[in-house]
Protein backbone atom coordinates (compact mmCIF):
# COMPACT_ATOMS: atom_id res chain seq x y z
CA MET A 1 -3.43 12.56 -18.78
CA ASP A 2 -5.23 14.48 -16.02
CA LEU A 3 -5.72 13.14 -12.48
CA GLU A 4 -6.57 16.52 -10.94
CA GLY A 5 -9.41 16.30 -8.43
CA ARG A 6 -9.57 12.50 -8.48
CA ASP A 7 -10.27 10.34 -5.45
CA ILE A 8 -7.92 7.39 -4.90
CA ILE A 9 -10.23 4.83 -3.30
CA SER A 10 -9.44 1.58 -5.10
CA ILE A 11 -6.54 0.61 -7.33
CA ARG A 12 -9.17 -0.93 -9.64
CA GLU A 13 -10.33 2.56 -10.58
CA LEU A 14 -6.98 3.33 -12.17
CA THR A 15 -6.00 2.12 -15.64
CA ARG A 16 -2.55 0.75 -16.37
CA GLU A 17 -1.81 3.96 -18.28
CA GLU A 18 -2.75 6.06 -15.25
CA ILE A 19 -0.69 3.87 -12.92
CA ASP A 20 2.32 4.08 -15.24
CA TRP A 21 1.89 7.86 -15.36
CA ILE A 22 1.94 8.05 -11.54
CA LEU A 23 5.09 5.89 -11.45
CA LYS A 24 6.76 8.00 -14.12
CA THR A 25 5.87 11.16 -12.21
CA ALA A 26 7.41 9.63 -9.08
CA ASP A 27 10.74 9.45 -10.93
CA SER A 28 10.69 13.23 -11.30
CA MET A 29 9.91 13.67 -7.60
CA GLU A 30 13.13 12.14 -6.26
CA PRO A 31 15.36 15.19 -6.90
CA ILE A 32 12.58 17.45 -5.60
CA ALA A 33 12.35 15.37 -2.41
CA LYS A 34 16.04 15.88 -1.75
CA LYS A 35 16.03 19.68 -2.13
CA GLY A 36 12.42 20.67 -1.38
CA SER A 37 9.88 22.61 -3.43
CA ASP A 38 7.05 25.14 -3.18
CA MET A 39 4.97 23.25 -5.75
CA LEU A 40 2.05 22.88 -3.31
CA LYS A 41 2.60 26.07 -1.31
CA GLY A 42 -0.70 27.19 0.20
CA LYS A 43 -2.24 23.71 -0.01
CA ILE A 44 -3.23 21.74 3.11
CA LEU A 45 -3.34 17.96 3.56
CA ALA A 46 -5.59 16.54 6.29
CA THR A 47 -4.63 13.10 7.64
CA LEU A 48 -7.56 11.45 9.41
CA PHE A 49 -6.34 8.19 10.95
CA PHE A 50 -8.90 6.23 12.92
CA GLU A 51 -6.39 3.36 13.16
CA PRO A 52 -2.71 3.40 14.18
CA SER A 53 -0.18 4.20 11.48
CA THR A 54 3.48 5.08 11.35
CA ARG A 55 4.66 4.76 7.75
CA THR A 56 1.56 5.80 5.83
CA LYS A 57 0.74 8.86 7.93
CA LEU A 58 4.31 10.12 8.18
CA SER A 59 4.95 9.30 4.53
CA PHE A 60 2.03 11.42 3.34
CA GLU A 61 2.94 14.25 5.69
CA THR A 62 6.57 14.15 4.56
CA ALA A 63 5.46 14.12 0.91
CA MET A 64 3.27 17.19 1.45
CA LEU A 65 5.96 19.10 3.36
CA LYS A 66 8.59 18.38 0.70
CA LEU A 67 6.23 19.87 -1.89
CA GLY A 68 5.83 23.04 0.18
CA GLY A 69 2.37 22.31 1.55
CA GLU A 70 1.09 22.05 5.12
CA THR A 71 -0.54 19.25 7.11
CA ILE A 72 -3.21 18.94 9.78
CA GLY A 73 -4.97 15.93 11.24
CA PHE A 74 -5.09 13.33 13.98
CA ALA A 75 -3.71 9.85 14.56
CA GLU A 76 -6.20 8.59 17.14
CA PRO A 77 -10.02 8.81 17.07
CA GLU A 78 -9.88 9.83 20.75
CA ALA A 79 -8.35 13.10 19.57
CA ALA A 80 -11.31 13.92 17.34
CA SER A 81 -14.96 14.85 17.82
CA ILE A 82 -15.93 11.35 16.76
CA LYS A 83 -15.20 10.54 20.41
CA LYS A 84 -18.18 12.76 21.19
CA GLY A 85 -20.38 10.84 18.77
CA GLU A 86 -19.81 12.82 15.56
CA SER A 87 -20.47 10.76 12.42
CA LEU A 88 -17.81 10.11 9.81
CA ALA A 89 -19.91 12.02 7.27
CA ASP A 90 -20.01 15.11 9.48
CA THR A 91 -16.29 14.84 10.24
CA ILE A 92 -15.54 14.85 6.51
CA ARG A 93 -17.89 17.77 5.83
CA VAL A 94 -16.13 19.77 8.53
CA ILE A 95 -12.51 18.89 7.69
CA GLN A 96 -12.92 19.67 3.99
CA ASN A 97 -13.31 23.31 4.97
CA TYR A 98 -9.78 23.26 6.41
CA SER A 99 -7.97 21.34 3.69
CA ASP A 100 -7.49 20.65 -0.01
CA VAL A 101 -7.15 16.85 0.18
CA ILE A 102 -7.95 14.25 2.85
CA VAL A 103 -6.06 11.03 3.53
CA LEU A 104 -8.29 8.65 5.48
CA ARG A 105 -7.59 5.41 7.33
CA HIS A 106 -10.53 3.69 8.98
CA PRO A 107 -11.22 0.24 10.48
CA LEU A 108 -14.44 -0.27 8.53
CA GLU A 109 -14.51 -1.57 4.97
CA GLY A 110 -16.09 0.90 2.60
CA ALA A 111 -15.30 3.88 4.85
CA ALA A 112 -13.16 5.69 2.26
CA ARG A 113 -15.79 5.32 -0.47
CA PHE A 114 -18.46 6.49 1.97
CA ALA A 115 -16.35 9.54 2.87
CA ALA A 116 -15.86 10.37 -0.81
CA GLU A 117 -19.64 10.62 -1.25
CA TYR A 118 -19.70 13.52 1.22
CA ALA A 119 -16.43 15.25 0.36
CA GLU A 120 -16.10 18.00 -2.22
CA ILE A 121 -12.30 17.60 -2.18
CA PRO A 122 -10.26 14.49 -3.10
CA ILE A 123 -10.21 11.55 -0.68
CA ILE A 124 -7.22 9.20 -0.62
CA ASN A 125 -7.85 5.79 0.92
CA ALA A 126 -5.00 4.98 3.32
CA GLY A 127 -6.61 1.67 4.31
CA SER A 128 -10.25 0.80 4.95
CA GLY A 129 -10.60 -2.29 7.12
CA SER A 130 -9.08 -5.31 5.39
CA GLU A 131 -10.35 -4.11 2.02
CA GLU A 132 -7.71 -2.10 0.09
CA HIS A 133 -4.67 0.17 0.44
CA PRO A 134 -4.17 1.60 -3.07
CA THR A 135 -1.24 3.95 -2.45
CA GLN A 136 0.71 1.10 -0.85
CA ALA A 137 0.17 -0.90 -4.05
CA LEU A 138 1.47 2.03 -6.09
CA LEU A 139 4.65 2.30 -4.05
CA ASP A 140 5.05 -1.50 -4.24
CA LEU A 141 4.81 -1.35 -8.02
CA TYR A 142 7.28 1.52 -8.07
CA THR A 143 9.75 -0.43 -5.92
CA ILE A 144 9.52 -3.44 -8.24
CA ARG A 145 9.95 -1.22 -11.29
CA ARG A 146 12.98 0.57 -9.83
CA GLU A 147 14.69 -2.50 -8.43
CA LYS A 148 13.94 -4.94 -11.28
CA GLY A 149 13.93 -2.53 -14.21
CA GLY A 150 10.27 -3.23 -15.01
CA ILE A 151 7.24 -5.27 -13.97
CA ASP A 152 6.21 -7.27 -17.05
CA GLY A 153 7.65 -10.78 -17.27
CA LEU A 154 8.27 -11.25 -13.54
CA ASN A 155 7.31 -14.10 -11.21
CA ILE A 156 5.93 -12.58 -8.00
CA ALA A 157 4.94 -14.36 -4.78
CA LEU A 158 2.60 -12.87 -2.16
CA VAL A 159 3.23 -14.59 1.17
CA GLY A 160 1.44 -14.57 4.53
CA ASP A 161 -1.92 -13.04 5.40
CA LEU A 162 -3.71 -12.86 2.07
CA ARG A 163 -7.20 -12.85 3.60
CA TYR A 164 -7.03 -9.80 5.83
CA GLY A 165 -4.01 -8.07 4.28
CA ARG A 166 -5.39 -5.03 2.44
CA THR A 167 -1.97 -4.33 0.91
CA VAL A 168 -1.95 -7.65 -0.97
CA HIS A 169 -5.51 -7.15 -2.19
CA SER A 170 -4.62 -3.86 -3.85
CA LEU A 171 -1.30 -5.22 -5.13
CA ALA A 172 -2.93 -8.30 -6.67
CA TYR A 173 -5.47 -6.12 -8.49
CA ALA A 174 -2.69 -3.84 -9.74
CA LEU A 175 -0.43 -6.69 -10.87
CA SER A 176 -3.27 -8.15 -12.93
CA LEU A 177 -2.75 -5.22 -15.32
CA TYR A 178 0.79 -6.44 -16.07
CA ASN A 179 2.24 -9.56 -17.67
CA VAL A 180 3.27 -11.43 -14.52
CA LYS A 181 2.92 -14.85 -12.94
CA LEU A 182 1.50 -14.58 -9.43
CA TYR A 183 2.08 -17.14 -6.66
CA LEU A 184 -0.18 -16.97 -3.60
CA VAL A 185 1.37 -18.60 -0.53
CA SER A 186 -0.59 -18.64 2.72
CA PRO A 187 -2.08 -20.89 5.41
CA SER A 188 -5.44 -22.31 4.31
CA LEU A 189 -7.20 -20.06 6.86
CA LEU A 190 -5.67 -16.99 5.23
CA ARG A 191 -6.11 -17.71 1.54
CA MET A 192 -6.70 -14.79 -0.80
CA ARG A 193 -10.28 -13.55 -0.87
CA ARG A 194 -12.40 -15.22 -3.51
CA GLU A 195 -13.53 -11.92 -5.04
CA VAL A 196 -9.89 -10.97 -5.63
CA ILE A 197 -9.11 -14.36 -7.20
CA GLU A 198 -12.16 -14.15 -9.46
CA ASP A 199 -11.15 -10.66 -10.58
CA ILE A 200 -7.51 -11.43 -11.46
CA LYS A 201 -7.77 -14.97 -12.85
CA GLY A 202 -8.06 -14.86 -16.60
CA LYS A 203 -5.95 -11.71 -16.69
CA ILE A 204 -2.74 -13.26 -15.36
CA GLU A 205 -1.52 -16.71 -14.36
CA VAL A 206 -2.30 -17.33 -10.68
CA ILE A 207 -0.88 -20.30 -8.76
CA GLU A 208 -2.17 -21.27 -5.31
CA GLY A 209 -1.44 -24.15 -3.00
CA LEU A 210 2.34 -24.31 -3.18
CA GLY A 211 4.62 -24.02 -0.16
CA LEU A 212 7.21 -21.32 0.34
CA GLU A 213 10.12 -23.67 -0.37
CA GLU A 214 8.54 -24.68 -3.67
CA VAL A 215 8.18 -21.14 -5.01
CA ILE A 216 11.43 -19.59 -3.74
CA PRO A 217 13.61 -20.87 -6.65
CA ASP A 218 11.26 -19.43 -9.28
CA VAL A 219 10.31 -15.99 -8.00
CA ASP A 220 11.83 -12.62 -8.82
CA VAL A 221 9.91 -10.75 -6.11
CA LEU A 222 8.97 -12.14 -2.68
CA TYR A 223 6.33 -9.93 -1.07
CA VAL A 224 5.97 -10.89 2.59
CA THR A 225 3.21 -9.79 4.97
CA ARG A 226 2.74 -10.30 8.68
CA ILE A 227 -0.10 -12.32 10.17
CA GLN A 228 -2.34 -9.52 11.43
CA LYS A 229 -3.50 -10.36 14.93
CA GLU A 230 -5.73 -7.28 15.09
CA ARG A 231 -7.85 -8.46 12.14
CA PHE A 232 -8.87 -11.80 13.65
CA PRO A 233 -12.36 -11.90 15.20
CA ASP A 234 -11.30 -15.13 17.00
CA LEU A 235 -7.84 -15.12 18.59
CA SER A 236 -7.81 -18.92 18.73
CA GLU A 237 -7.74 -18.81 14.91
CA TYR A 238 -4.80 -16.43 15.05
CA ALA A 239 -2.94 -18.83 17.32
CA LYS A 240 -3.26 -21.55 14.66
CA VAL A 241 -1.45 -19.52 11.99
CA LYS A 242 0.90 -17.32 14.00
CA GLY A 243 4.47 -17.76 12.80
CA SER A 244 3.47 -19.75 9.71
CA TYR A 245 6.35 -18.36 7.68
CA MET A 246 9.84 -17.23 8.58
CA ILE A 247 12.10 -15.85 5.86
CA ASN A 248 15.67 -16.50 7.01
CA LEU A 249 18.99 -17.28 5.37
CA ASP A 250 18.24 -21.01 5.21
CA VAL A 251 14.98 -20.40 3.33
CA LEU A 252 16.81 -18.12 0.89
CA LYS A 253 19.51 -20.62 -0.07
CA GLY A 254 17.60 -21.65 -3.19
CA ALA A 255 16.62 -18.13 -4.25
CA LYS A 256 17.73 -16.38 -7.43
CA ASP A 257 20.72 -14.10 -6.86
CA ASP A 258 18.72 -11.07 -7.98
CA MET A 259 15.46 -11.85 -6.17
CA ILE A 260 14.14 -9.00 -4.03
CA ILE A 261 12.15 -9.15 -0.80
CA LEU A 262 9.47 -6.54 -0.13
CA HIS A 263 7.34 -6.02 2.99
CA PRO A 264 4.72 -3.31 3.68
CA LEU A 265 5.89 -3.22 7.33
CA PRO A 266 5.67 -3.41 10.27
CA ARG A 267 7.24 -6.84 10.50
CA VAL A 268 7.02 -9.08 13.53
CA ASP A 269 8.88 -12.36 13.06
CA GLU A 270 8.19 -13.23 9.42
CA VAL A 271 11.48 -11.81 8.09
CA ALA A 272 14.56 -12.51 10.21
CA VAL A 273 16.80 -9.56 11.07
CA GLU A 274 19.72 -11.46 9.51
CA VAL A 275 18.10 -10.92 6.10
CA ASP A 276 18.37 -7.12 6.43
CA SER A 277 22.03 -7.06 5.40
CA THR A 278 21.55 -9.20 2.29
CA PRO A 279 21.10 -7.83 -1.26
CA TYR A 280 17.60 -9.37 -1.23
CA ALA A 281 16.26 -6.91 1.35
CA LYS A 282 14.53 -3.90 -0.25
CA TYR A 283 11.83 -3.23 2.35
CA PHE A 284 13.53 -0.20 3.91
CA LYS A 285 14.26 1.29 0.49
CA GLN A 286 10.56 0.67 -0.18
CA VAL A 287 9.80 3.21 2.56
CA TRP A 288 11.76 5.94 0.73
CA TYR A 289 10.05 5.08 -2.55
CA GLY A 290 6.75 5.53 -0.71
CA VAL A 291 7.55 9.19 -0.07
CA ILE A 292 8.23 10.03 -3.71
CA VAL A 293 5.23 8.05 -4.96
CA ARG A 294 2.96 9.91 -2.56
CA MET A 295 4.55 13.18 -3.64
CA ALA A 296 3.56 12.27 -7.20
CA ILE A 297 0.00 11.38 -6.14
CA LEU A 298 -0.48 14.66 -4.27
CA ALA A 299 1.06 16.74 -7.05
CA LEU A 300 -1.16 15.09 -9.66
CA ILE A 301 -4.50 15.21 -7.86
CA LEU A 302 -3.91 18.78 -6.68
CA GLY A 303 -3.08 19.86 -10.22
CA ALA A 304 0.56 20.88 -9.72
CA VAL A 305 1.62 18.35 -12.37
CA LYS A 306 -0.43 17.70 -15.49
């Protein structure tokens, strides 16, 4: 299976076999991550982040450095020539001369696909508006696989902002390739996008409309997202749903002993700090898994692993 030179724009463009290959490759990256490698020596990763990021940007940069490569880029549009009026297309056509792969985060939906039309090197979508975040979905799948021993046969609940949360869009698409039951728990204002529902229904069992307390006893994986204030065009709408869910010890009393809680982070108030010390909490381990998954992605698309 060959992923060399591929763009990673949408999780829907990957088959289950390709996803499983990426996850299997990530297994082999863990020992490399701990001791370092020169697998990508001479290669340069450009991180172009037109929106704030901590985990995704640093995760990709860490992944590249652990493989022996180098990184360049910016974390604020004010630091780039786009501040002077340069178009995204021109920015991409310039940066590709300095790098071998570009990781792009942008506030506009479709930005990553647009960039890929102009780039002659691979583009990795690190989040385009509220559309998708495919590498987050891959590390989420990897976390489930590592912590639960597999993905097929699980009951998985996505909780919180399912309308604007690009992480849950990509994860829902990815999970539809597996044999799972998917619960969607959100305020009515933040229900999962209709195009996502239409895509995944018929592939897997999807249950909407239940409350958090109703699904907790049945689920194996609780995937929690924050209500994203920055995505709301009307802040009065945000005020209506702010703090809709709080995962605390009381809520978890009815949970399975081996249930796991995931979160793409950052969290605000949707998962209580008291949960951090329980066996349920896997969201900080999820961060480490993100490094080795992104090492696998970079190694595969840059041809270091076949």
